[in-house]
Protein backbone atom coordinates (compact mmCIF):
# COMPACT_ATOMS: atom_id res chain seq x y z
CA MET A 1 76.28 74.83 131.14
CA ALA A 2 77.69 76.23 134.51
CA THR A 3 81.44 77.10 133.45
CA LEU A 4 83.42 76.23 130.40
CA ASP A 5 85.94 74.52 132.38
CA ALA A 6 83.25 72.03 133.24
CA ALA A 7 81.78 71.66 129.87
CA THR A 8 82.32 68.63 127.74
CA LEU A 9 82.26 68.50 123.76
CA ASP A 10 78.92 67.10 123.94
CA ASP A 11 77.68 69.99 126.19
CA LEU A 12 79.22 72.32 123.68
CA ARG A 13 77.54 70.73 120.83
CA ASP A 14 74.40 70.62 122.58
CA ALA A 15 74.57 74.52 123.18
CA LEU A 16 75.57 74.73 119.51
CA ALA A 17 72.45 73.23 118.25
CA GLU A 18 70.47 75.42 120.42
CA VAL A 19 72.12 79.02 119.53
CA GLU A 20 70.61 81.11 116.55
CA ASP A 21 72.90 84.13 116.44
CA LYS A 22 76.20 84.28 114.65
CA LYS A 23 78.35 85.63 117.37
CA PRO A 24 77.45 82.69 119.93
CA THR A 25 77.61 80.33 116.97
CA GLN A 26 81.07 81.68 116.24
CA ARG A 27 82.21 81.34 119.58
CA LEU A 28 81.06 77.96 120.29
CA MET A 29 82.69 76.75 117.16
CA ALA A 30 86.08 78.27 118.19
CA VAL A 31 85.89 76.53 121.55
CA ILE A 32 85.03 73.35 119.94
CA ASN A 33 87.80 73.43 117.41
CA TYR A 34 90.20 74.40 119.94
CA LEU A 35 89.42 71.57 122.29
CA GLU A 36 89.12 69.09 119.32
CA GLU A 37 92.46 69.98 117.71
CA ASP A 38 95.52 69.00 119.76
CA ASP A 39 97.97 71.04 118.16
CA ALA A 40 95.74 74.07 117.79
CA THR A 41 96.65 77.25 119.74
CA MET A 42 94.05 79.86 121.17
CA ALA A 43 95.67 82.46 118.94
CA GLU A 44 95.33 80.19 115.61
CA VAL A 45 91.63 79.25 116.36
CA ALA A 46 91.02 83.01 117.12
CA GLU A 47 92.31 84.11 113.80
CA ARG A 48 90.26 81.57 112.03
CA TYR A 49 87.20 83.01 113.69
CA GLY A 50 88.23 86.63 113.17
CA TYR A 51 88.94 87.42 116.56
CA THR A 52 92.48 88.86 116.09
């Protein structure tokens, strides 16, 4: 995956299937959640994953 801007949800899900550590898993889940939820803000998603 070159950049996040060029990544599709499928790319992110593929990456999620390959990571093993907690922090990268949380980061990928946060990005996926943000992209899937039309009305979610970055702040809301960050709070869900404890980034605030």
